[in-house]
N, C-alpha and C. Protein backbone atom coordinates (compact mmCIF):
# COMPACT_ATOMS: atom_id res chain seq x y z
N MET A 1 128.71 93.69 97.80
CA MET A 1 128.62 94.19 96.44
C MET A 1 128.56 93.01 95.46
N ILE A 2 127.70 93.11 94.47
CA ILE A 2 127.53 92.04 93.50
C ILE A 2 128.42 92.32 92.29
N ASP A 3 129.22 91.31 91.94
CA ASP A 3 130.07 91.38 90.76
C ASP A 3 129.35 90.60 89.65
N PRO A 4 128.83 91.29 88.63
CA PRO A 4 128.08 90.58 87.58
C PRO A 4 128.93 89.58 86.80
N ASN A 5 130.24 89.65 86.92
CA ASN A 5 131.11 88.71 86.21
C ASN A 5 131.43 87.47 87.04
N ASP A 6 131.05 87.44 88.30
CA ASP A 6 131.33 86.29 89.15
C ASP A 6 130.12 85.37 89.14
N LEU A 7 130.15 84.36 88.29
CA LEU A 7 129.02 83.46 88.11
C LEU A 7 128.77 82.60 89.35
N ARG A 8 129.75 82.50 90.24
CA ARG A 8 129.56 81.72 91.47
C ARG A 8 128.57 82.39 92.40
N TYR A 9 128.52 83.71 92.39
CA TYR A 9 127.71 84.47 93.36
C TYR A 9 126.79 85.47 92.67
N PRO A 10 125.78 84.99 91.95
CA PRO A 10 124.93 85.92 91.19
C PRO A 10 124.13 86.88 92.07
N ILE A 11 123.94 86.58 93.35
CA ILE A 11 123.25 87.52 94.24
C ILE A 11 124.22 88.10 95.25
N GLY A 12 125.51 87.89 95.04
CA GLY A 12 126.53 88.37 95.97
C GLY A 12 126.84 87.33 97.02
N LYS A 13 127.97 87.52 97.69
CA LYS A 13 128.36 86.61 98.77
C LYS A 13 127.52 86.89 100.01
N PHE A 14 127.35 85.87 100.81
CA PHE A 14 126.58 86.02 102.04
C PHE A 14 127.33 86.92 103.03
N ALA A 15 126.58 87.77 103.69
CA ALA A 15 127.14 88.61 104.75
C ALA A 15 126.14 88.66 105.89
N TYR A 16 126.64 88.49 107.11
CA TYR A 16 125.77 88.57 108.28
C TYR A 16 125.28 90.00 108.47
N ALA A 17 124.06 90.13 108.94
CA ALA A 17 123.49 91.43 109.28
C ALA A 17 124.05 91.91 110.61
N ALA A 18 123.96 93.18 110.86
CA ALA A 18 124.42 93.75 112.13
C ALA A 18 123.55 93.27 113.28
N ALA A 19 122.25 93.09 113.02
CA ALA A 19 121.32 92.64 114.04
C ALA A 19 120.23 91.81 113.38
N TYR A 20 119.64 90.92 114.15
CA TYR A 20 118.58 90.06 113.65
C TYR A 20 117.29 90.35 114.41
N THR A 21 116.43 91.11 113.76
CA THR A 21 115.15 91.49 114.35
C THR A 21 114.12 90.39 114.06
N PRO A 22 113.01 90.39 114.79
CA PRO A 22 111.95 89.43 114.45
C PRO A 22 111.46 89.60 113.00
N GLU A 23 111.42 90.84 112.52
CA GLU A 23 110.97 91.08 111.13
C GLU A 23 111.95 90.47 110.13
N LEU A 24 113.24 90.61 110.39
CA LEU A 24 114.25 90.04 109.51
C LEU A 24 114.19 88.51 109.56
N ARG A 25 113.99 87.97 110.75
CA ARG A 25 113.86 86.51 110.89
C ARG A 25 112.65 86.02 110.09
N ASP A 26 111.52 86.74 110.17
CA ASP A 26 110.33 86.35 109.41
C ASP A 26 110.61 86.37 107.91
N LEU A 27 111.34 87.38 107.45
CA LEU A 27 111.72 87.45 106.04
C LEU A 27 112.56 86.24 105.66
N HIS A 28 113.54 85.90 106.48
CA HIS A 28 114.39 84.74 106.19
C HIS A 28 113.59 83.45 106.18
N LEU A 29 112.65 83.31 107.10
CA LEU A 29 111.82 82.10 107.11
C LEU A 29 110.92 82.05 105.88
N ASP A 30 110.41 83.19 105.46
CA ASP A 30 109.61 83.23 104.22
C ASP A 30 110.46 82.82 103.03
N GLN A 31 111.72 83.25 102.98
CA GLN A 31 112.61 82.88 101.88
C GLN A 31 112.92 81.39 101.90
N ILE A 32 113.13 80.83 103.08
CA ILE A 32 113.35 79.39 103.18
C ILE A 32 112.10 78.63 102.72
N ALA A 33 110.94 79.09 103.15
CA ALA A 33 109.69 78.45 102.74
C ALA A 33 109.48 78.50 101.23
N ALA A 34 109.90 79.58 100.60
CA ALA A 34 109.70 79.77 99.16
C ALA A 34 110.71 79.01 98.30
N CYS A 35 111.80 78.60 98.87
CA CYS A 35 112.90 78.00 98.11
C CYS A 35 112.48 76.81 97.24
N PRO A 36 111.75 75.83 97.76
CA PRO A 36 111.40 74.69 96.89
C PRO A 36 110.61 75.10 95.64
N ALA A 37 109.65 76.00 95.79
CA ALA A 37 108.87 76.45 94.62
C ALA A 37 109.76 77.22 93.65
N GLU A 38 110.67 78.03 94.17
CA GLU A 38 111.59 78.77 93.31
C GLU A 38 112.52 77.82 92.56
N LEU A 39 112.99 76.78 93.24
CA LEU A 39 113.85 75.80 92.57
C LEU A 39 113.07 75.05 91.50
N ARG A 40 111.85 74.66 91.81
CA ARG A 40 111.00 73.96 90.83
C ARG A 40 110.81 74.84 89.59
N ARG A 41 110.52 76.13 89.81
CA ARG A 41 110.35 77.06 88.70
C ARG A 41 111.64 77.17 87.88
N ALA A 42 112.77 77.23 88.56
CA ALA A 42 114.06 77.43 87.89
C ALA A 42 114.42 76.27 86.97
N ILE A 43 114.00 75.05 87.32
CA ILE A 43 114.39 73.91 86.47
C ILE A 43 113.25 73.42 85.58
N ASP A 44 112.08 74.05 85.69
CA ASP A 44 110.93 73.62 84.91
C ASP A 44 111.24 73.61 83.42
N GLY A 45 110.96 72.49 82.79
CA GLY A 45 111.12 72.38 81.35
C GLY A 45 112.53 72.09 80.86
N LEU A 46 113.49 71.97 81.76
CA LEU A 46 114.86 71.67 81.31
C LEU A 46 114.98 70.22 80.85
N SER A 47 115.70 70.03 79.78
CA SER A 47 115.94 68.68 79.25
C SER A 47 117.03 67.99 80.08
N PRO A 48 117.18 66.67 79.94
CA PRO A 48 118.27 65.99 80.65
C PRO A 48 119.64 66.60 80.32
N GLY A 49 119.86 66.97 79.07
CA GLY A 49 121.13 67.59 78.71
C GLY A 49 121.34 68.93 79.38
N GLN A 50 120.28 69.71 79.49
CA GLN A 50 120.38 71.00 80.18
C GLN A 50 120.61 70.80 81.68
N LEU A 51 119.97 69.80 82.27
CA LEU A 51 120.18 69.50 83.69
C LEU A 51 121.63 69.09 83.95
N ASP A 52 122.27 68.52 82.96
CA ASP A 52 123.65 68.06 83.12
C ASP A 52 124.67 69.09 82.62
N THR A 53 124.24 70.32 82.46
CA THR A 53 125.11 71.43 82.08
C THR A 53 125.59 72.14 83.34
N PRO A 54 126.91 72.37 83.45
CA PRO A 54 127.40 73.14 84.61
C PRO A 54 126.89 74.57 84.55
N TYR A 55 126.57 75.12 85.71
CA TYR A 55 126.07 76.49 85.75
C TYR A 55 127.17 77.50 85.43
N ARG A 56 128.44 77.05 85.52
CA ARG A 56 129.60 77.86 85.12
C ARG A 56 130.73 76.88 84.82
N ASP A 57 131.78 77.34 84.13
CA ASP A 57 132.94 76.50 83.88
C ASP A 57 133.53 76.05 85.21
N GLY A 58 133.71 74.74 85.35
CA GLY A 58 134.27 74.18 86.58
C GLY A 58 133.28 74.05 87.71
N GLY A 59 132.02 74.41 87.48
CA GLY A 59 131.01 74.34 88.53
C GLY A 59 130.17 73.08 88.44
N TRP A 60 129.29 72.93 89.39
CA TRP A 60 128.38 71.80 89.39
C TRP A 60 127.37 71.92 88.26
N THR A 61 126.83 70.78 87.86
CA THR A 61 125.73 70.79 86.90
C THR A 61 124.46 71.26 87.62
N VAL A 62 123.48 71.63 86.82
CA VAL A 62 122.19 72.01 87.39
C VAL A 62 121.66 70.85 88.26
N ARG A 63 121.78 69.63 87.76
CA ARG A 63 121.32 68.45 88.50
C ARG A 63 122.02 68.36 89.86
N GLN A 64 123.33 68.56 89.87
CA GLN A 64 124.07 68.51 91.14
C GLN A 64 123.63 69.61 92.10
N VAL A 65 123.36 70.79 91.56
CA VAL A 65 122.88 71.89 92.40
C VAL A 65 121.54 71.52 93.02
N VAL A 66 120.65 70.95 92.22
CA VAL A 66 119.33 70.55 92.72
C VAL A 66 119.48 69.55 93.85
N HIS A 67 120.35 68.56 93.69
CA HIS A 67 120.52 67.55 94.72
C HIS A 67 121.29 68.09 95.93
N HIS A 68 122.15 69.07 95.70
CA HIS A 68 122.90 69.68 96.80
C HIS A 68 121.98 70.38 97.80
N LEU A 69 120.95 71.03 97.32
CA LEU A 69 120.10 71.81 98.23
C LEU A 69 119.49 70.96 99.34
N PRO A 70 118.83 69.83 99.07
CA PRO A 70 118.33 69.06 100.21
C PRO A 70 119.45 68.45 101.04
N ASP A 71 120.56 68.07 100.42
CA ASP A 71 121.69 67.56 101.22
C ASP A 71 122.12 68.60 102.25
N SER A 72 122.32 69.81 101.80
CA SER A 72 122.77 70.89 102.66
C SER A 72 121.71 71.27 103.69
N HIS A 73 120.47 71.39 103.24
CA HIS A 73 119.42 71.86 104.11
C HIS A 73 118.98 70.81 105.12
N LEU A 74 119.15 69.53 104.79
CA LEU A 74 118.93 68.48 105.79
C LEU A 74 119.94 68.62 106.92
N ASN A 75 121.18 68.88 106.58
CA ASN A 75 122.20 69.11 107.60
C ASN A 75 121.83 70.31 108.46
N ALA A 76 121.36 71.38 107.84
CA ALA A 76 120.98 72.58 108.59
C ALA A 76 119.81 72.28 109.52
N TYR A 77 118.82 71.57 109.03
CA TYR A 77 117.66 71.21 109.83
C TYR A 77 118.09 70.45 111.09
N ILE A 78 118.97 69.49 110.92
CA ILE A 78 119.46 68.72 112.06
C ILE A 78 120.26 69.61 113.01
N ARG A 79 121.10 70.48 112.46
CA ARG A 79 121.87 71.40 113.30
C ARG A 79 120.94 72.30 114.13
N HIS A 80 119.87 72.76 113.51
CA HIS A 80 118.93 73.62 114.21
C HIS A 80 118.20 72.85 115.32
N LYS A 81 117.82 71.62 115.04
CA LYS A 81 117.18 70.79 116.07
C LYS A 81 118.14 70.53 117.22
N LEU A 82 119.39 70.27 116.91
CA LEU A 82 120.39 70.05 117.96
C LEU A 82 120.55 71.30 118.81
N ALA A 83 120.65 72.46 118.17
CA ALA A 83 120.81 73.71 118.92
C ALA A 83 119.60 73.99 119.80
N ALA A 84 118.43 73.60 119.35
CA ALA A 84 117.21 73.85 120.13
C ALA A 84 117.07 72.90 121.32
N THR A 85 117.77 71.77 121.27
CA THR A 85 117.56 70.75 122.31
C THR A 85 118.80 70.44 123.14
N GLU A 86 119.95 70.97 122.75
CA GLU A 86 121.19 70.71 123.48
C GLU A 86 121.90 72.03 123.74
N GLU A 87 122.78 72.03 124.70
CA GLU A 87 123.52 73.24 125.05
C GLU A 87 124.78 73.34 124.18
N GLN A 88 124.75 74.23 123.19
CA GLN A 88 125.85 74.47 122.24
C GLN A 88 126.50 73.17 121.75
N PRO A 89 125.72 72.34 121.07
CA PRO A 89 126.30 71.10 120.55
C PRO A 89 127.34 71.39 119.47
N THR A 90 128.33 70.54 119.38
CA THR A 90 129.29 70.62 118.28
C THR A 90 128.74 69.77 117.15
N ILE A 91 128.53 70.40 116.01
CA ILE A 91 127.95 69.68 114.87
C ILE A 91 129.08 69.03 114.07
N ARG A 92 128.68 68.11 113.22
CA ARG A 92 129.64 67.43 112.36
C ARG A 92 129.52 68.03 110.97
N PRO A 93 130.62 68.59 110.45
CA PRO A 93 130.58 69.08 109.07
C PRO A 93 130.48 67.91 108.08
N TYR A 94 130.16 68.23 106.86
CA TYR A 94 130.17 67.22 105.81
C TYR A 94 130.87 67.79 104.59
N ARG A 95 131.36 66.94 103.75
CA ARG A 95 132.15 67.38 102.59
C ARG A 95 131.23 67.48 101.37
N GLU A 96 130.59 68.65 101.27
CA GLU A 96 129.57 68.85 100.24
C GLU A 96 130.08 68.61 98.83
N ALA A 97 131.30 68.97 98.54
CA ALA A 97 131.84 68.77 97.19
C ALA A 97 131.92 67.28 96.86
N LEU A 98 132.24 66.47 97.84
CA LEU A 98 132.28 65.01 97.60
C LEU A 98 130.87 64.44 97.50
N TRP A 99 129.94 64.95 98.28
CA TRP A 99 128.56 64.50 98.17
C TRP A 99 128.03 64.78 96.77
N ALA A 100 128.41 65.91 96.19
CA ALA A 100 127.94 66.29 94.85
C ALA A 100 128.50 65.39 93.76
N GLU A 101 129.56 64.65 94.07
CA GLU A 101 130.16 63.74 93.09
C GLU A 101 129.61 62.32 93.20
N LEU A 102 128.82 62.04 94.22
CA LEU A 102 128.25 60.70 94.38
C LEU A 102 127.27 60.40 93.26
N PRO A 103 127.07 59.12 92.93
CA PRO A 103 126.22 58.77 91.78
C PRO A 103 124.80 59.34 91.84
N ASP A 104 124.19 59.40 93.02
CA ASP A 104 122.83 59.93 93.07
C ASP A 104 122.79 61.41 92.70
N ALA A 105 123.79 62.17 93.12
CA ALA A 105 123.82 63.60 92.80
C ALA A 105 124.12 63.84 91.33
N ARG A 106 124.81 62.92 90.70
CA ARG A 106 125.16 63.08 89.29
C ARG A 106 124.09 62.57 88.33
N SER A 107 123.18 61.67 88.82
CA SER A 107 122.28 61.05 87.86
C SER A 107 120.81 60.94 88.28
N ALA A 108 120.48 61.14 89.53
CA ALA A 108 119.10 60.94 89.97
C ALA A 108 118.16 61.98 89.37
N ASP A 109 116.92 61.59 89.26
CA ASP A 109 115.88 62.49 88.79
C ASP A 109 115.74 63.65 89.77
N PRO A 110 115.81 64.89 89.30
CA PRO A 110 115.65 66.03 90.20
C PRO A 110 114.32 66.04 90.95
N ALA A 111 113.32 65.37 90.42
CA ALA A 111 112.02 65.33 91.10
C ALA A 111 112.15 64.73 92.50
N LEU A 112 113.08 63.80 92.68
CA LEU A 112 113.28 63.21 94.01
C LEU A 112 113.74 64.27 95.01
N SER A 113 114.71 65.06 94.61
CA SER A 113 115.22 66.10 95.51
C SER A 113 114.23 67.24 95.68
N LEU A 114 113.45 67.54 94.66
CA LEU A 114 112.42 68.57 94.81
C LEU A 114 111.38 68.14 95.83
N ALA A 115 110.94 66.87 95.76
CA ALA A 115 109.96 66.37 96.73
C ALA A 115 110.54 66.39 98.14
N LEU A 116 111.79 65.97 98.27
CA LEU A 116 112.46 65.98 99.57
C LEU A 116 112.58 67.41 100.10
N LEU A 117 112.98 68.34 99.24
CA LEU A 117 113.15 69.73 99.65
C LEU A 117 111.81 70.34 100.07
N GLU A 118 110.75 70.04 99.34
CA GLU A 118 109.43 70.57 99.70
C GLU A 118 109.01 70.08 101.08
N ALA A 119 109.13 68.80 101.33
CA ALA A 119 108.75 68.25 102.63
C ALA A 119 109.66 68.79 103.74
N LEU A 120 110.95 68.83 103.46
CA LEU A 120 111.91 69.32 104.45
C LEU A 120 111.63 70.77 104.82
N HIS A 121 111.45 71.63 103.84
CA HIS A 121 111.24 73.04 104.12
C HIS A 121 109.91 73.29 104.83
N ALA A 122 108.89 72.49 104.52
CA ALA A 122 107.62 72.61 105.23
C ALA A 122 107.82 72.27 106.71
N ARG A 123 108.51 71.19 106.97
CA ARG A 123 108.75 70.77 108.36
C ARG A 123 109.70 71.73 109.06
N TRP A 124 110.76 72.16 108.38
CA TRP A 124 111.78 73.05 108.95
C TRP A 124 111.17 74.39 109.36
N THR A 125 110.40 74.98 108.45
CA THR A 125 109.81 76.28 108.76
C THR A 125 108.72 76.15 109.82
N LEU A 126 107.98 75.05 109.83
CA LEU A 126 107.00 74.80 110.89
C LEU A 126 107.70 74.78 112.25
N PHE A 127 108.79 74.04 112.33
CA PHE A 127 109.59 73.96 113.56
C PHE A 127 110.09 75.33 113.99
N LEU A 128 110.72 76.07 113.06
CA LEU A 128 111.33 77.34 113.40
C LEU A 128 110.29 78.41 113.76
N ARG A 129 109.18 78.44 113.04
CA ARG A 129 108.15 79.46 113.33
C ARG A 129 107.48 79.22 114.69
N ALA A 130 107.55 77.99 115.18
CA ALA A 130 106.92 77.67 116.47
C ALA A 130 107.83 77.98 117.66
N LEU A 131 109.09 78.27 117.41
CA LEU A 131 110.02 78.54 118.51
C LEU A 131 109.74 79.90 119.14
N PRO A 132 109.87 79.99 120.47
CA PRO A 132 109.77 81.32 121.09
C PRO A 132 111.00 82.15 120.72
N PRO A 133 110.86 83.48 120.71
CA PRO A 133 111.95 84.36 120.24
C PRO A 133 113.30 84.11 120.88
N GLU A 134 113.33 83.81 122.16
CA GLU A 134 114.63 83.61 122.83
C GLU A 134 115.39 82.39 122.31
N MET A 135 114.70 81.47 121.69
CA MET A 135 115.37 80.27 121.17
C MET A 135 116.30 80.58 120.00
N PHE A 136 116.08 81.70 119.32
CA PHE A 136 116.90 82.03 118.16
C PHE A 136 118.31 82.49 118.55
N GLU A 137 118.54 82.67 119.84
CA GLU A 137 119.89 82.97 120.32
C GLU A 137 120.66 81.69 120.65
N ARG A 138 119.95 80.57 120.73
CA ARG A 138 120.63 79.29 120.98
C ARG A 138 121.57 79.03 119.80
N ALA A 139 122.64 78.30 120.07
CA ALA A 139 123.69 78.18 119.05
C ALA A 139 124.28 76.77 119.04
N PHE A 140 124.95 76.50 117.94
CA PHE A 140 125.76 75.28 117.85
C PHE A 140 127.20 75.70 117.59
N LEU A 141 128.10 74.78 117.77
CA LEU A 141 129.51 75.00 117.47
C LEU A 141 129.86 74.26 116.20
N HIS A 142 130.51 74.95 115.30
CA HIS A 142 130.99 74.34 114.05
C HIS A 142 132.50 74.27 114.15
N PRO A 143 133.08 73.08 114.00
CA PRO A 143 134.53 72.95 114.18
C PRO A 143 135.38 73.83 113.27
N ASP A 144 134.83 74.28 112.15
CA ASP A 144 135.59 75.09 111.21
C ASP A 144 135.35 76.59 111.37
N LEU A 145 134.50 76.98 112.33
CA LEU A 145 134.17 78.40 112.51
C LEU A 145 134.55 78.86 113.92
N PRO A 146 134.90 80.12 114.04
CA PRO A 146 135.23 80.64 115.38
C PRO A 146 133.94 80.96 116.16
N GLY A 147 133.81 80.42 117.31
CA GLY A 147 132.70 80.76 118.19
C GLY A 147 131.39 80.10 117.83
N PRO A 148 130.39 80.30 118.68
CA PRO A 148 129.07 79.71 118.47
C PRO A 148 128.34 80.34 117.28
N VAL A 149 127.47 79.56 116.65
CA VAL A 149 126.65 80.02 115.52
C VAL A 149 125.20 80.05 116.00
N PRO A 150 124.66 81.24 116.28
CA PRO A 150 123.26 81.33 116.73
C PRO A 150 122.29 80.95 115.60
N LEU A 151 121.15 80.40 116.01
CA LEU A 151 120.14 80.01 115.02
C LEU A 151 119.77 81.18 114.11
N ALA A 152 119.58 82.37 114.66
CA ALA A 152 119.17 83.52 113.84
C ALA A 152 120.14 83.77 112.70
N LYS A 153 121.43 83.69 112.98
CA LYS A 153 122.43 83.90 111.93
C LYS A 153 122.43 82.76 110.92
N ASN A 154 122.27 81.54 111.41
CA ASN A 154 122.30 80.40 110.49
C ASN A 154 121.07 80.37 109.60
N ILE A 155 119.93 80.79 110.14
CA ILE A 155 118.72 80.88 109.33
C ILE A 155 118.93 81.89 108.20
N ALA A 156 119.57 83.01 108.50
CA ALA A 156 119.86 84.01 107.48
C ALA A 156 120.73 83.43 106.38
N MET A 157 121.74 82.66 106.79
CA MET A 157 122.64 82.07 105.80
C MET A 157 121.90 81.09 104.89
N TYR A 158 121.01 80.29 105.45
CA TYR A 158 120.30 79.32 104.62
C TYR A 158 119.23 79.97 103.76
N ALA A 159 118.66 81.08 104.21
CA ALA A 159 117.75 81.84 103.35
C ALA A 159 118.51 82.32 102.12
N TRP A 160 119.73 82.82 102.34
CA TRP A 160 120.59 83.25 101.23
C TRP A 160 120.98 82.04 100.37
N HIS A 161 121.32 80.93 101.00
CA HIS A 161 121.83 79.76 100.29
C HIS A 161 120.86 79.26 99.22
N GLY A 162 119.59 79.14 99.57
CA GLY A 162 118.61 78.69 98.58
C GLY A 162 118.48 79.67 97.42
N ARG A 163 118.39 80.96 97.74
CA ARG A 163 118.28 81.98 96.69
C ARG A 163 119.53 82.00 95.81
N HIS A 164 120.68 81.80 96.43
CA HIS A 164 121.98 81.77 95.74
C HIS A 164 122.00 80.68 94.65
N HIS A 165 121.60 79.48 95.02
CA HIS A 165 121.65 78.39 94.04
C HIS A 165 120.56 78.51 92.97
N VAL A 166 119.39 78.97 93.34
CA VAL A 166 118.35 79.20 92.33
C VAL A 166 118.83 80.27 91.35
N ALA A 167 119.48 81.31 91.84
CA ALA A 167 120.00 82.37 90.96
C ALA A 167 121.08 81.84 90.03
N GLN A 168 121.87 80.88 90.47
CA GLN A 168 122.87 80.29 89.57
C GLN A 168 122.19 79.63 88.38
N ILE A 169 121.11 78.91 88.66
CA ILE A 169 120.36 78.23 87.59
C ILE A 169 119.68 79.26 86.69
N ASP A 170 119.04 80.25 87.29
CA ASP A 170 118.38 81.30 86.51
C ASP A 170 119.37 82.02 85.59
N ALA A 171 120.56 82.31 86.13
CA ALA A 171 121.58 83.02 85.33
C ALA A 171 122.05 82.15 84.16
N LEU A 172 122.22 80.85 84.39
CA LEU A 172 122.60 79.94 83.30
C LEU A 172 121.51 79.92 82.23
N ARG A 173 120.26 79.83 82.64
CA ARG A 173 119.16 79.82 81.67
C ARG A 173 119.15 81.11 80.87
N GLN A 174 119.36 82.22 81.53
CA GLN A 174 119.34 83.49 80.84
C GLN A 174 120.50 83.57 79.84
N ARG A 175 121.71 83.18 80.27
CA ARG A 175 122.87 83.23 79.37
C ARG A 175 122.69 82.34 78.15
N ASN A 176 122.03 81.19 78.35
CA ASN A 176 121.88 80.23 77.26
C ASN A 176 120.55 80.35 76.51
N GLY A 177 119.72 81.29 76.92
CA GLY A 177 118.43 81.49 76.24
C GLY A 177 117.48 80.34 76.41
N TRP A 178 117.55 79.68 77.56
CA TRP A 178 116.63 78.54 77.83
C TRP A 178 115.35 79.06 78.42
């Protein structure tokens, strides 16, 4: 359920589906493929001051959100490659909140992360679309989660993740009349 007052989750919190069909997987891959263009649209025309505005009180700035997406999705891409080539590898988590505080995330031109995200998503979706269906049951182990994480479920989460952050920016623009 979406709470319109919770600015952290403008499209609602992520929830796993009961089952992952090939059609649902294709939808998730389409959403991942569309994410860079949606992010570019969401920040188009924003001034440096607007880019440095938090999307909510206590939240990251738009600039930090833009840089967070390739940071996060690069980690996912590597996790997916590991799951496809190793038997239930244990992945290494990263401290995303600390990455968002690093100087590049606080000050770099968003165009750098947009270019990175575009290339990454093109390569990521090319890789995933080429996998045979049985590969989507392959999984990795996350030290902070119970049990294996199958690729199909993780793809769903990252499809949501991109839309989630773009919606945060869209909601800020709407609230501020940008």
